[in-house]
C-alpha atoms as a PDB file:
ATOM      1  CA  MET A   1     -23.282  -2.209  -2.802  1.00  0.00           C
ATOM      2  CA  PHE A   2     -20.607  -4.297  -4.464  1.00  0.00           C
ATOM      3  CA  ALA A   3     -21.491  -6.399  -7.434  1.00  0.00           C
ATOM      4  CA  SER A   4     -18.830  -8.954  -6.668  1.00  0.00           C
ATOM      5  CA  ARG A   5     -15.891  -8.289  -4.395  1.00  0.00           C
ATOM      6  CA  PRO A   6     -13.367 -10.912  -3.344  1.00  0.00           C
ATOM      7  CA  PRO A   7     -12.495 -11.250   0.322  1.00  0.00           C
ATOM      8  CA  LEU A   8      -9.490  -9.191   1.353  1.00  0.00           C
ATOM      9  CA  ARG A   9      -6.300 -10.077   3.125  1.00  0.00           C
ATOM     10  CA  THR A  10      -4.438  -7.204   4.766  1.00  0.00           C
ATOM     11  CA  VAL A  11      -0.778  -6.957   5.553  1.00  0.00           C
ATOM     12  CA  ARG A  12       0.517  -4.019   7.509  1.00  0.00           C
ATOM     13  CA  PHE A  13       3.898  -2.418   7.535  1.00  0.00           C
ATOM     14  CA  PRO A  14       5.106   0.766   9.324  1.00  0.00           C
ATOM     15  CA  ARG A  15       6.335   3.530   6.941  1.00  0.00           C
ATOM     16  CA  PHE A  16       6.449   7.212   6.710  1.00  0.00           C
ATOM     17  CA  GLY A  17       3.648   7.684   4.939  1.00  0.00           C
ATOM     18  CA  HIS A  18       2.959   6.196   7.207  1.00  0.00           C
ATOM     19  CA  PHE A  19       2.481   2.575   8.081  1.00  0.00           C
ATOM     20  CA  ARG A  20       1.947   0.662   4.981  1.00  0.00           C
ATOM     21  CA  ARG A  21      -1.174  -1.374   5.235  1.00  0.00           C
ATOM     22  CA  ARG A  22      -2.223  -3.134   2.114  1.00  0.00           C
ATOM     23  CA  ALA A  23      -5.619  -4.494   1.366  1.00  0.00           C
ATOM     24  CA  VAL A  24      -5.364  -7.063  -1.483  1.00  0.00           C
ATOM     25  CA  PRO A  25      -7.859  -9.514  -2.962  1.00  0.00           C
ATOM     26  CA  VAL A  26      -7.315 -13.078  -1.875  1.00  0.00           C
ATOM     27  CA  ASN A  27      -9.350 -14.593  -4.714  1.00  0.00           C
ATOM     28  CA  ARG A  28      -9.799 -13.423  -8.256  1.00  0.00           C
ATOM     29  CA  GLY A  29     -12.873 -11.433  -8.936  1.00  0.00           C
ATOM     30  CA  THR A  30     -14.208  -8.151 -10.288  1.00  0.00           C
ATOM     31  CA  PHE A  31     -14.429  -5.152  -8.053  1.00  0.00           C
ATOM     32  CA  GLY A  32     -17.899  -3.892  -7.758  1.00  0.00           C
ATOM     33  CA  ARG A  33     -19.030  -0.327  -8.270  1.00  0.00           C
ATOM     34  CA  LEU A  34     -20.078   1.807  -5.311  1.00  0.00           C
ATOM     35  CA  THR A  35     -23.602   3.167  -5.565  1.00  0.00           C
ATOM     36  CA  GLY A  36     -23.602   4.914  -2.204  1.00  0.00           C
ATOM     37  CA  PRO A  37     -21.002   6.502   0.066  1.00  0.00           C
ATOM     38  CA  PRO A  38     -17.718   4.614  -0.249  1.00  0.00           C
ATOM     39  CA  PRO A  39     -16.692   2.260   2.579  1.00  0.00           C
ATOM     40  CA  PRO A  40     -13.630   3.089   4.707  1.00  0.00           C
ATOM     41  CA  ARG A  41     -10.757   0.794   4.556  1.00  0.00           C
ATOM     42  CA  GLN A  42     -10.268  -2.824   5.015  1.00  0.00           C
ATOM     43  CA  ALA A  43      -8.503  -4.274   7.904  1.00  0.00           C
ATOM     44  CA  ARG A  44      -5.063  -3.592   9.205  1.00  0.00           C
ATOM     45  CA  THR A  45      -3.558  -6.596  10.735  1.00  0.00           C
ATOM     46  CA  GLN A  46      -0.066  -6.750  11.304  1.00  0.00           C
ATOM     47  CA  HIS A  47       2.079  -4.439  12.799  1.00  0.00           C
ATOM     48  CA  ALA A  48       5.453  -3.215  12.169  1.00  0.00           C
ATOM     49  CA  GLY A  49       7.006  -4.427   9.032  1.00  0.00           C
ATOM     50  CA  LYS A  50       6.607  -8.146   9.241  1.00  0.00           C
ATOM     51  CA  GLN A  51       4.644 -10.094   6.678  1.00  0.00           C
ATOM     52  CA  HIS A  52       2.586 -12.270   9.021  1.00  0.00           C
ATOM     53  CA  ALA A  53      -0.937 -13.477   8.348  1.00  0.00           C
ATOM     54  CA  ARG A  54      -3.555 -11.192   9.800  1.00  0.00           C
ATOM     55  CA  LYS A  55      -5.325 -12.282  12.950  1.00  0.00           C
ATOM     56  CA  GLN A  56      -8.966 -11.537  12.654  1.00  0.00           C
ATOM     57  CA  HIS A  57     -10.443 -11.038  16.109  1.00  0.00           C
ATOM     58  CA  ALA A  58     -14.099 -11.004  16.713  1.00  0.00           C
ATOM     59  CA  GLY A  59     -15.254  -7.517  15.975  1.00  0.00           C
ATOM     60  CA  LYS A  60     -18.687  -6.274  16.851  1.00  0.00           C
ATOM     61  CA  GLN A  61     -20.407  -6.928  13.582  1.00  0.00           C
ATOM     62  CA  HIS A  62     -23.323  -4.715  14.388  1.00  0.00           C
ATOM     63  CA  ALA A  63     -21.460  -1.833  15.965  1.00  0.00           C
ATOM     64  CA  GLY A  64     -23.014   0.521  13.450  1.00  0.00           C
ATOM     65  CA  ASN A  65     -22.412   2.078  10.136  1.00  0.00           C
ATOM     66  CA  ILE A  66     -20.026   4.944   9.552  1.00  0.00           C
ATOM     67  CA  ARG A  67     -20.538   7.034   6.466  1.00  0.00           C
ATOM     68  CA  PHE A  68     -17.756   9.086   4.914  1.00  0.00           C
ATOM     69  CA  SER A  69     -19.197  11.144   2.105  1.00  0.00           C
ATOM     70  CA  ALA A  70     -17.338  14.321   3.086  1.00  0.00           C
ATOM     71  CA  VAL A  71     -14.003  12.563   3.389  1.00  0.00           C
ATOM     72  CA  VAL A  72     -14.471  10.710   0.171  1.00  0.00           C
ATOM     73  CA  ALA A  73     -15.308  13.928  -1.616  1.00  0.00           C
ATOM     74  CA  ILE A  74     -11.894  15.224  -0.587  1.00  0.00           C
ATOM     75  CA  LEU A  75     -10.189  12.018  -1.651  1.00  0.00           C
ATOM     76  CA  SER A  76     -11.977  12.185  -5.025  1.00  0.00           C
ATOM     77  CA  ALA A  77     -10.660  15.691  -5.490  1.00  0.00           C
ATOM     78  CA  THR A  78      -7.144  14.542  -4.589  1.00  0.00           C
ATOM     79  CA  SER A  79      -7.470  11.659  -7.088  1.00  0.00           C
ATOM     80  CA  ALA A  80      -8.579  14.089  -9.780  1.00  0.00           C
ATOM     81  CA  ALA A  81      -5.461  16.102  -9.157  1.00  0.00           C
ATOM     82  CA  PHE A  82      -3.340  13.204 -10.338  1.00  0.00           C
ATOM     83  CA  ALA A  83      -4.579  13.658 -13.831  1.00  0.00           C
ATOM     84  CA  ILE A  84      -3.652  17.345 -13.797  1.00  0.00           C
ATOM     85  CA  VAL A  85      -0.414  18.660 -12.300  1.00  0.00           C
ATOM     86  CA  ALA A  86       0.501  18.314  -8.661  1.00  0.00           C
ATOM     87  CA  SER A  87       2.927  20.714  -7.049  1.00  0.00           C
ATOM     88  CA  PRO A  88       5.504  19.079  -4.847  1.00  0.00           C
ATOM     89  CA  VAL A  89       5.088  19.924  -1.223  1.00  0.00           C
ATOM     90  CA  GLY A  90       7.851  19.174   1.314  1.00  0.00           C
ATOM     91  CA  PHE A  91       9.410  20.407   4.456  1.00  0.00           C
ATOM     92  CA  HIS A  92      13.135  21.102   4.517  1.00  0.00           C
ATOM     93  CA  PRO A  93      14.445  22.009   7.948  1.00  0.00           C
ATOM     94  CA  ASN A  94      17.993  23.390   7.719  1.00  0.00           C
ATOM     95  CA  VAL A  95      19.401  21.129  10.298  1.00  0.00           C
ATOM     96  CA  ALA A  96      18.030  17.774  11.490  1.00  0.00           C
ATOM     97  CA  ALA A  97      18.112  17.151  15.191  1.00  0.00           C
ATOM     98  CA  ALA A  98      20.948  14.910  16.300  1.00  0.00           C
ATOM     99  CA  ALA A  99      19.684  11.586  17.641  1.00  0.00           C
ATOM    100  CA  LYS A 100      21.005   8.975  19.935  1.00  0.00           C
ATOM    101  CA  VAL A 101      20.616   5.569  18.330  1.00  0.00           C
ATOM    102  CA  PRO A 102      18.531   3.618  20.868  1.00  0.00           C
ATOM    103  CA  ASP A 103      19.298  -0.052  21.586  1.00  0.00           C
ATOM    104  CA  ALA A 104      16.368  -2.058  20.222  1.00  0.00           C
ATOM    105  CA  LYS A 105      16.747  -4.468  23.123  1.00  0.00           C
ATOM    106  CA  LYS A 106      16.252  -1.764  25.761  1.00  0.00           C
ATOM    107  CA  PRO A 107      12.575  -0.622  25.950  1.00  0.00           C
ATOM    108  CA  ALA A 108      13.623   1.724  28.740  1.00  0.00           C
ATOM    109  CA  ASP A 109      14.986   4.012  26.022  1.00  0.00           C
ATOM    110  CA  PHE A 110      11.423   5.143  25.539  1.00  0.00           C
ATOM    111  CA  ASN A 111      10.887   7.876  28.118  1.00  0.00           C
ATOM    112  CA  ALA A 112       7.761   9.989  28.164  1.00  0.00           C
ATOM    113  CA  LYS A 113       9.817  12.852  29.665  1.00  0.00           C
ATOM    114  CA  ASN A 114      11.805  13.071  26.440  1.00  0.00           C
ATOM    115  CA  PHE A 115       8.907  14.256  24.373  1.00  0.00           C
ATOM    116  CA  GLY A 116       7.679  17.855  23.811  1.00  0.00           C
ATOM    117  CA  GLU A 117       5.271  19.337  21.350  1.00  0.00           C
ATOM    118  CA  PRO A 118       3.361  16.593  19.481  1.00  0.00           C
ATOM    119  CA  LEU A 119       3.669  18.072  15.978  1.00  0.00           C
ATOM    120  CA  SER A 120       6.996  18.838  14.445  1.00  0.00           C
ATOM    121  CA  ALA A 121       8.820  18.860  11.114  1.00  0.00           C
ATOM    122  CA  ALA A 122      12.199  18.447  12.784  1.00  0.00           C
ATOM    123  CA  ASN A 123      12.715  14.935  11.370  1.00  0.00           C
ATOM    124  CA  LYS A 124      13.150  15.520   7.633  1.00  0.00           C
ATOM    125  CA  TRP A 125      12.527  11.902   6.855  1.00  0.00           C
ATOM    126  CA  PHE A 126       9.178  11.782   8.601  1.00  0.00           C
ATOM    127  CA  PRO A 127       7.694  15.350   8.720  1.00  0.00           C
ATOM    128  CA  LEU A 128       4.755  15.723  11.100  1.00  0.00           C
ATOM    129  CA  LYS A 129       2.822  18.758   9.901  1.00  0.00           C
ATOM    130  CA  PRO A 130      -0.973  19.032  10.123  1.00  0.00           C
ATOM    131  CA  GLY A 131      -2.516  18.834   6.640  1.00  0.00           C
ATOM    132  CA  TYR A 132       0.426  17.040   5.053  1.00  0.00           C
ATOM    133  CA  GLN A 133      -1.097  14.462   2.752  1.00  0.00           C
ATOM    134  CA  SER A 134       0.676  11.959   0.522  1.00  0.00           C
ATOM    135  CA  VAL A 135      -0.741   9.396  -1.915  1.00  0.00           C
ATOM    136  CA  ARG A 136       0.840   6.212  -3.090  1.00  0.00           C
ATOM    137  CA  GLU A 137      -0.047   3.666  -5.784  1.00  0.00           C
ATOM    138  CA  GLY A 138       0.527   0.083  -4.748  1.00  0.00           C
ATOM    139  CA  GLY A 139       0.447  -3.172  -6.659  1.00  0.00           C
ATOM    140  CA  LEU A 140       1.277  -6.812  -6.661  1.00  0.00           C
ATOM    141  CA  ASP A 141       1.276  -9.710  -9.073  1.00  0.00           C
ATOM    142  CA  ARG A 142      -1.443 -12.284  -8.569  1.00  0.00           C
ATOM    143  CA  GLY A 143      -1.481 -14.974 -11.196  1.00  0.00           C
ATOM    144  CA  HIS A 144      -1.435 -13.250 -14.587  1.00  0.00           C
ATOM    145  CA  ARG A 145      -2.855 -10.017 -13.143  1.00  0.00           C
ATOM    146  CA  ARG A 146      -1.334  -6.936 -11.637  1.00  0.00           C
ATOM    147  CA  LEU A 147      -3.639  -5.789  -8.812  1.00  0.00           C
ATOM    148  CA  THR A 148      -3.468  -2.152  -7.767  1.00  0.00           C
ATOM    149  CA  HIS A 149      -4.725   0.049  -4.938  1.00  0.00           C
ATOM    150  CA  ARG A 150      -4.191   3.542  -3.657  1.00  0.00           C
ATOM    151  CA  ARG A 151      -3.225   4.668  -0.206  1.00  0.00           C
ATOM    152  CA  VAL A 152      -3.826   8.175   1.166  1.00  0.00           C
ATOM    153  CA  TYR A 153      -2.025   9.312   4.337  1.00  0.00           C
ATOM    154  CA  THR A 154      -3.003  12.456   6.180  1.00  0.00           C
ATOM    155  CA  VAL A 155      -1.311  14.019   9.207  1.00  0.00           C
ATOM    156  CA  THR A 156      -4.166  15.406  11.274  1.00  0.00           C
ATOM    157  CA  ASN A 157      -4.283  18.094  13.947  1.00  0.00           C
ATOM    158  CA  VAL A 158      -5.563  15.597  16.441  1.00  0.00           C
ATOM    159  CA  VAL A 159      -3.704  14.117  19.391  1.00  0.00           C
ATOM    160  CA  LYS A 160      -4.284  11.400  21.983  1.00  0.00           C
ATOM    161  CA  GLU A 161      -2.288  10.686  25.163  1.00  0.00           C
ATOM    162  CA  VAL A 162      -0.604   7.334  25.031  1.00  0.00           C
ATOM    163  CA  ALA A 163       1.907   6.146  27.657  1.00  0.00           C
ATOM    164  CA  GLY A 164       2.235   9.642  28.946  1.00  0.00           C
ATOM    165  CA  VAL A 165       2.953  11.109  25.523  1.00  0.00           C
ATOM    166  CA  ARG A 166       0.727  13.268  23.311  1.00  0.00           C
ATOM    167  CA  ALA A 167       0.682  11.234  20.082  1.00  0.00           C
ATOM    168  CA  VAL A 168      -0.365  12.594  16.685  1.00  0.00           C
ATOM    169  CA  LEU A 169      -3.175  10.741  14.834  1.00  0.00           C
ATOM    170  CA  ILE A 170      -2.355   9.895  11.236  1.00  0.00           C
ATOM    171  CA  LEU A 171      -5.273   8.790   9.124  1.00  0.00           C
ATOM    172  CA  ASP A 172      -4.326   5.972   6.672  1.00  0.00           C
ATOM    173  CA  GLN A 173      -6.894   5.089   4.032  1.00  0.00           C
ATOM    174  CA  ASP A 174      -6.673   2.326   1.453  1.00  0.00           C
ATOM    175  CA  ILE A 175      -8.699   2.623  -1.765  1.00  0.00           C
ATOM    176  CA  ASP A 176      -9.437  -0.293  -4.027  1.00  0.00           C
ATOM    177  CA  GLY A 177     -11.424  -0.074  -7.211  1.00  0.00           C
ATOM    178  CA  GLY A 178     -12.267   3.590  -6.550  1.00  0.00           C
ATOM    179  CA  GLU A 179     -13.706   2.964  -3.091  1.00  0.00           C
ATOM    180  CA  ILE A 180     -12.266   3.071   0.444  1.00  0.00           C
ATOM    181  CA  ALA A 181     -11.862  -0.449   1.730  1.00  0.00           C
ATOM    182  CA  GLU A 182      -9.975   0.149   5.010  1.00  0.00           C
ATOM    183  CA  GLN A 183      -9.338   2.983   7.341  1.00  0.00           C
ATOM    184  CA  ALA A 184      -6.899   3.172  10.179  1.00  0.00           C
ATOM    185  CA  LEU A 185      -5.381   5.440  12.773  1.00  0.00           C
ATOM    186  CA  ASP A 186      -1.640   5.392  13.553  1.00  0.00           C
ATOM    187  CA  LEU A 187      -0.370   7.159  16.626  1.00  0.00           C
ATOM    188  CA  VAL A 188       3.080   8.640  16.456  1.00  0.00           C
ATOM    189  CA  ALA A 189       5.231  11.190  18.306  1.00  0.00           C
ATOM    190  CA  GLU A 190       8.657  12.706  17.886  1.00  0.00           C
ATOM    191  CA  ASP A 191      11.053  12.903  20.844  1.00  0.00           C
ATOM    192  CA  LYS A 192      13.452  15.738  21.581  1.00  0.00           C
ATOM    193  CA  ASP A 193      16.215  13.894  19.776  1.00  0.00           C
ATOM    194  CA  GLY A 194      14.254  13.791  16.537  1.00  0.00           C
ATOM    195  CA  ASN A 195      13.327  10.125  16.707  1.00  0.00           C
ATOM    196  CA  VAL A 196       9.752   9.378  15.528  1.00  0.00           C
ATOM    197  CA  TRP A 197       8.090   6.748  17.736  1.00  0.00           C
ATOM    198  CA  TYR A 198       5.219   4.387  16.963  1.00  0.00           C
ATOM    199  CA  LEU A 199       2.787   4.282  19.907  1.00  0.00           C
ATOM    200  CA  GLY A 200      -0.320   2.535  18.637  1.00  0.00           C
ATOM    201  CA  SER A 201      -2.820   1.850  15.904  1.00  0.00           C
ATOM    202  CA  TYR A 202      -6.483   0.968  15.246  1.00  0.00           C
ATOM    203  CA  THR A 203      -8.068  -0.350  12.003  1.00  0.00           C
ATOM    204  CA  GLU A 204     -11.564  -0.798  10.774  1.00  0.00           C
ATOM    205  CA  THR A 205     -12.865  -2.668   7.780  1.00  0.00           C
ATOM    206  CA  TYR A 206     -15.949  -1.853   5.707  1.00  0.00           C
ATOM    207  CA  GLU A 207     -18.132  -3.334   2.939  1.00  0.00           C
ATOM    208  CA  GLY A 208     -20.545  -1.289   0.908  1.00  0.00           C
ATOM    209  CA  GLY A 209     -20.233   1.673   3.257  1.00  0.00           C
ATOM    210  CA  GLU A 210     -21.016  -0.334   6.351  1.00  0.00           C
ATOM    211  CA  TYR A 211     -18.752  -1.176   9.279  1.00  0.00           C
ATOM    212  CA  VAL A 212     -17.697  -4.874   9.143  1.00  0.00           C
ATOM    213  CA  ASN A 213     -14.960  -5.383  11.754  1.00  0.00           C
ATOM    214  CA  SER A 214     -12.113  -3.896  13.725  1.00  0.00           C
ATOM    215  CA  THR A 215      -9.110  -5.992  13.105  1.00  0.00           C
ATOM    216  CA  ASP A 216      -6.266  -4.213  14.821  1.00  0.00           C
ATOM    217  CA  GLY A 217      -5.985  -2.304  18.055  1.00  0.00           C
ATOM    218  CA  TRP A 218      -2.987  -1.707  20.271  1.00  0.00           C
ATOM    219  CA  LEU A 219      -1.491   1.126  22.398  1.00  0.00           C
ATOM    220  CA  ALA A 220       1.867   1.282  23.981  1.00  0.00           C
ATOM    221  CA  GLY A 221       1.774   0.454  27.693  1.00  0.00           C
ATOM    222  CA  ILE A 222      -1.479  -1.499  27.438  1.00  0.00           C
ATOM    223  CA  ARG A 223      -1.597  -5.336  27.576  1.00  0.00           C
ATOM    224  CA  GLY A 224       2.146  -5.606  27.109  1.00  0.00           C
ATOM    225  CA  ALA A 225       2.484  -3.503  23.911  1.00  0.00           C
ATOM    226  CA  LYS A 226       5.641  -1.452  23.653  1.00  0.00           C
ATOM    227  CA  ALA A 227       6.477   1.581  21.593  1.00  0.00           C
ATOM    228  CA  GLY A 228       9.097   1.412  18.875  1.00  0.00           C
ATOM    229  CA  ILE A 229      10.979   3.772  16.461  1.00  0.00           C
ATOM    230  CA  LEU A 230       9.680   4.432  12.952  1.00  0.00           C
ATOM    231  CA  MET A 231      12.515   6.744  12.001  1.00  0.00           C
ATOM    232  CA  LEU A 232      15.757   7.753  13.654  1.00  0.00           C
ATOM    233  CA  GLY A 233      16.438  11.421  13.980  1.00  0.00           C
ATOM    234  CA  SER A 234      19.888  11.013  12.355  1.00  0.00           C
ATOM    235  CA  PRO A 235      19.919   7.696  10.434  1.00  0.00           C
ATOM    236  CA  VAL A 236      23.468   6.495   9.668  1.00  0.00           C
ATOM    237  CA  VAL A 237      24.608   3.348   7.891  1.00  0.00           C
ATOM    238  CA  GLY A 238      26.106   0.971  10.450  1.00  0.00           C
ATOM    239  CA  SER A 239      23.593   1.938  13.182  1.00  0.00           C
ATOM    240  CA  PRO A 240      22.281  -1.128  15.008  1.00  0.00           C
ATOM    241  CA  LYS A 241      18.894  -2.478  14.157  1.00  0.00           C
ATOM    242  CA  TYR A 242      16.043  -0.840  16.044  1.00  0.00           C
ATOM    243  CA  SER A 243      12.680  -2.073  17.162  1.00  0.00           C
ATOM    244  CA  GLN A 244       9.658  -0.544  15.361  1.00  0.00           C
ATOM    245  CA  ALA A 245       7.174  -1.773  18.011  1.00  0.00           C
ATOM    246  CA  THR A 246       6.274  -4.816  20.089  1.00  0.00           C
ATOM    247  CA  ILE A 247       2.734  -6.110  20.015  1.00  0.00           C
ATOM    248  CA  PRO A 248       1.329  -8.925  22.152  1.00  0.00           C
ATOM    249  CA  GLY A 249       0.797 -11.980  20.024  1.00  0.00           C
ATOM    250  CA  GLU A 250       2.637 -10.423  17.087  1.00  0.00           C
ATOM    251  CA  GLY A 251       6.145 -10.080  18.412  1.00  0.00           C
ATOM    252  CA  SER A 252       8.603  -7.347  17.442  1.00  0.00           C
ATOM    253  CA  ALA A 253       9.726  -6.003  14.104  1.00  0.00           C
ATOM    254  CA  THR A 254      13.034  -4.404  13.441  1.00  0.00           C
ATOM    255  CA  ALA A 255      14.554  -2.168  10.767  1.00  0.00           C
ATOM    256  CA  LYS A 256      18.035  -0.919   9.891  1.00  0.00           C
ATOM    257  CA  VAL A 257      19.628   1.814   7.818  1.00  0.00           C
ATOM    258  CA  SER A 258      20.803   0.302   4.575  1.00  0.00           C
ATOM    259  CA  LYS A 259      22.019   3.207   2.357  1.00  0.00           C
ATOM    260  CA  THR A 260      22.143   6.985   2.267  1.00  0.00           C
ATOM    261  CA  GLY A 261      22.708   9.569  -0.476  1.00  0.00           C
ATOM    262  CA  GLN A 262      20.845   7.623  -3.185  1.00  0.00           C
ATOM    263  CA  LYS A 263      18.861   8.793  -6.190  1.00  0.00           C
ATOM    264  CA  LYS A 264      15.400   7.428  -6.886  1.00  0.00           C
ATOM    265  CA  CYS A 265      12.678   8.418  -9.387  1.00  0.00           C
ATOM    266  CA  VAL A 266       8.965   7.757  -8.731  1.00  0.00           C
ATOM    267  CA  PRO A 267       5.878   8.835 -10.747  1.00  0.00           C
ATOM    268  CA  PHE A 268       5.621  12.030  -8.786  1.00  0.00           C
ATOM    269  CA  LYS A 269       9.255  13.233  -8.972  1.00  0.00           C
ATOM    270  CA  CYS A 270      12.906  12.292  -9.029  1.00  0.00           C
ATOM    271  CA  TYR A 271      14.708  12.709  -5.679  1.00  0.00           C
ATOM    272  CA  SER A 272      18.338  12.826  -4.518  1.00  0.00           C
ATOM    273  CA  ASP A 273      19.923  12.278  -1.096  1.00  0.00           C
ATOM    274  CA  VAL A 274      17.467   9.364  -0.653  1.00  0.00           C
ATOM    275  CA  LEU A 275      17.607   7.185   2.507  1.00  0.00           C
ATOM    276  CA  VAL A 276      17.064   3.438   2.197  1.00  0.00           C
ATOM    277  CA  ILE A 277      15.744   1.513   5.229  1.00  0.00           C
ATOM    278  CA  GLN A 278      15.596  -2.295   5.204  1.00  0.00           C
ATOM    279  CA  GLU A 279      12.354  -3.477   6.744  1.00  0.00           C
ATOM    280  CA  GLY A 280      11.921  -7.270   6.662  1.00  0.00           C
ATOM    281  CA  GLY A 281      12.029  -8.410   3.045  1.00  0.00           C
ATOM    282  CA  GLU A 282      11.594  -4.909   1.614  1.00  0.00           C
ATOM    283  CA  ASN A 283      13.556  -1.754   0.971  1.00  0.00           C
ATOM    284  CA  VAL A 284      11.806   1.495   1.760  1.00  0.00           C
ATOM    285  CA  TYR A 285      13.063   4.727   0.199  1.00  0.00           C
ATOM    286  CA  TYR A 286      12.738   8.053   2.014  1.00  0.00           C
ATOM    287  CA  ALA A 287      13.262  11.494   0.488  1.00  0.00           C
ATOM    288  CA  PRO A 288      14.228  14.443   2.685  1.00  0.00           C
ATOM    289  CA  GLY A 289      11.302  16.736   3.497  1.00  0.00           C
ATOM    290  CA  VAL A 290       8.896  14.185   2.039  1.00  0.00           C
ATOM    291  CA  GLY A 291       8.997  10.797   3.706  1.00  0.00           C
ATOM    292  CA  SER A 292       8.541   7.467   2.055  1.00  0.00           C
ATOM    293  CA  ILE A 293       8.481   7.556  -1.739  1.00  0.00           C
ATOM    294  CA  LYS A 294       8.903   3.936  -2.713  1.00  0.00           C
ATOM    295  CA  VAL A 295       8.679   0.404  -1.369  1.00  0.00           C
ATOM    296  CA  GLU A 296       9.986  -2.611  -3.232  1.00  0.00           C
ATOM    297  CA  PRO A 297      10.991  -6.195  -2.398  1.00  0.00           C
ATOM    298  CA  ARG A 298      14.671  -6.812  -1.636  1.00  0.00           C
ATOM    299  CA  HIS A 299      14.626  -9.930  -3.788  1.00  0.00           C
ATOM    300  CA  LYS A 300      12.960 -10.846  -7.137  1.00  0.00           C
ATOM    301  CA  GLY A 301      10.097 -13.301  -7.415  1.00  0.00           C
ATOM    302  CA  GLY A 302       6.886 -13.780  -5.548  1.00  0.00           C
ATOM    303  CA  GLU A 303       4.129 -11.215  -5.817  1.00  0.00           C
ATOM    304  CA  ASN A 304       6.489  -8.352  -6.365  1.00  0.00           C
ATOM    305  CA  GLU A 305       4.583  -5.939  -4.072  1.00  0.00           C
ATOM    306  CA  THR A 306       5.512  -2.307  -4.658  1.00  0.00           C
ATOM    307  CA  GLU A 307       4.317   1.164  -3.657  1.00  0.00           C
ATOM    308  CA  GLU A 308       5.280   4.514  -5.197  1.00  0.00           C
ATOM    309  CA  LEU A 309       4.486   8.150  -4.405  1.00  0.00           C
ATOM    310  CA  VAL A 310       2.138   9.739  -6.873  1.00  0.00           C
ATOM    311  CA  ASN A 311       1.085  12.993  -5.162  1.00  0.00           C
ATOM    312  CA  LEU A 312       1.796  15.330  -2.293  1.00  0.00           C
ATOM    313  CA  THR A 313      -0.380  18.164  -1.126  1.00  0.00           C
ATOM    314  CA  GLN A 314      -0.896  20.483   1.820  1.00  0.00           C
ATOM    315  CA  LEU A 315      -4.586  20.596   2.781  1.00  0.00           C
ATOM    316  CA  THR A 316      -6.445  23.822   3.441  1.00  0.00           C
ATOM    317  CA  THR A 317      -7.783  24.459   6.908  1.00  0.00           C
ATOM    318  CA  GLN A 318     -11.259  23.375   5.740  1.00  0.00           C
ATOM    319  CA  GLY A 319      -9.943  20.231   4.054  1.00  0.00           C
ATOM    320  CA  LEU A 320      -7.900  19.213   7.088  1.00  0.00           C
ATOM    321  CA  GLU A 321     -10.925  19.640   9.323  1.00  0.00           C
ATOM    322  CA  GLU A 322     -12.712  16.815   7.454  1.00  0.00           C
ATOM    323  CA  PHE A 323      -9.872  14.459   8.277  1.00  0.00           C
ATOM    324  CA  ASN A 324      -9.657  15.740  11.868  1.00  0.00           C
ATOM    325  CA  SER A 325     -13.313  14.892  12.372  1.00  0.00           C
ATOM    326  CA  GLU A 326     -12.799  11.404  10.866  1.00  0.00           C
ATOM    327  CA  ALA A 327      -9.837  10.703  13.088  1.00  0.00           C
ATOM    328  CA  ILE A 328     -11.822  11.685  16.204  1.00  0.00           C
ATOM    329  CA  LYS A 329     -14.750   9.539  15.094  1.00  0.00           C
ATOM    330  CA  LEU A 330     -12.551   6.487  14.640  1.00  0.00           C
ATOM    331  CA  ASP A 331     -10.932   6.947  18.015  1.00  0.00           C
ATOM    332  CA  GLU A 332     -14.374   7.202  19.651  1.00  0.00           C
ATOM    333  CA  HIS A 333     -15.562   4.030  17.818  1.00  0.00           C
ATOM    334  CA  ALA A 334     -12.436   2.183  19.029  1.00  0.00           C
ATOM    335  CA  ARG A 335     -13.487   2.785  22.615  1.00  0.00           C
ATOM    336  CA  SER A 336     -16.294   0.309  22.072  1.00  0.00           C
ATOM    337  CA  THR A 337     -15.021  -2.039  19.364  1.00  0.00           C
ATOM    338  CA  ALA A 338     -11.531  -2.357  20.979  1.00  0.00           C
ATOM    339  CA  GLU A 339     -12.675  -1.728  24.507  1.00  0.00           C
ATOM    340  CA  ARG A 340      -9.893  -3.806  26.168  1.00  0.00           C
ATOM    341  CA  VAL A 341      -7.285  -1.476  24.622  1.00  0.00           C
ATOM    342  CA  PHE A 342      -9.011   1.872  23.952  1.00  0.00           C
ATOM    343  CA  GLY A 343     -11.719   1.794  26.564  1.00  0.00           C
ATOM    344  CA  GLY A 344     -10.877   4.102  29.403  1.00  0.00           C
ATOM    345  CA  THR A 345      -8.068   5.877  27.543  1.00  0.00           C
ATOM    346  CA  PRO A 346      -8.125   9.670  27.067  1.00  0.00           C
ATOM    347  CA  LYS A 347     -10.206  10.828  24.123  1.00  0.00           C
ATOM    348  CA  ALA A 348      -8.558  12.172  21.049  1.00  0.00           C
ATOM    349  CA  THR A 349      -8.808  15.959  20.775  1.00  0.00           C
ATOM    350  CA  ARG A 350      -7.918  18.693  18.326  1.00  0.00           C
ATOM    351  CA  ILE A 351      -4.734  20.563  19.245  1.00  0.00           C
ATOM    352  CA  GLY A 352      -5.758  23.820  20.949  1.00  0.00           C
ATOM    353  CA  SER A 353      -9.140  22.561  22.084  1.00  0.00           C
ATOM    354  CA  LYS A 354     -10.015  22.256  25.779  1.00  0.00           C
END
């Protein structure tokens, strides 16, 4: 159990890497040490790039405990690799698919018939390959302290049908003080033009290894939610703003291409031909074949929230299976904790399974 952990506020942003959700302490305090299996990750609240305050809906407080010793063992091994040497892993398709720039004001641009295989590395800015795992260190200024946390993103080999499209489940885990505080699923799919779409999400919060609440749950086509674009297939400066998603009660978030051909160094590596996307009050940097490598505020002042890539890896088949199982478990839990959205929807399944 925790010795003394401050309550958390979570702010969520879509990213590659995938949708930046950040669990940060609201009050000062000392993070406790975990004596049992670490808890999965604190609440995702807001969708798509806007820094709104999180709406806590009444979760089922006694829905049960979910333990993650196997997953945490893998995350611990990943963390240990940071102290050694990590080999860059990326996907570099020779030619990116040409993409029509959809009008953010026309939801009809989303067409289930325009999607094919759920997993693809065709979009070099947002590669969807099973086992692709990236890790980022995040931080913000709070008073005289710099608070940090770590986020681990894993592209699984699990899909779920949403709005007539087979969407890939991406597991997004936030680690604070050496323990998982929040865990979420993001559902994405790439269309035939190379655009990567955001079709839904679900987030759970934990304390001391025990389920606390489910704070976010939406799926495109249900209760008024609409899919949006996370990354254009061929991002070009001057393209119109595009919607990243529309969620009932949250509104819509938009993004636009700011710069291309930039150079940017992060702890993991220096990159060239970097793409910069403006998302709300932040600039998000994307490297080809890698995805998001850095997030920083567009203007100085405030809490100066940042996030930088510190590791990339391609999981083994055995390692990926642990995350596949976790994603399926979360989807199943969502069917009861977020029943009005996930209840009655097709179950998530491994690709290739019947």
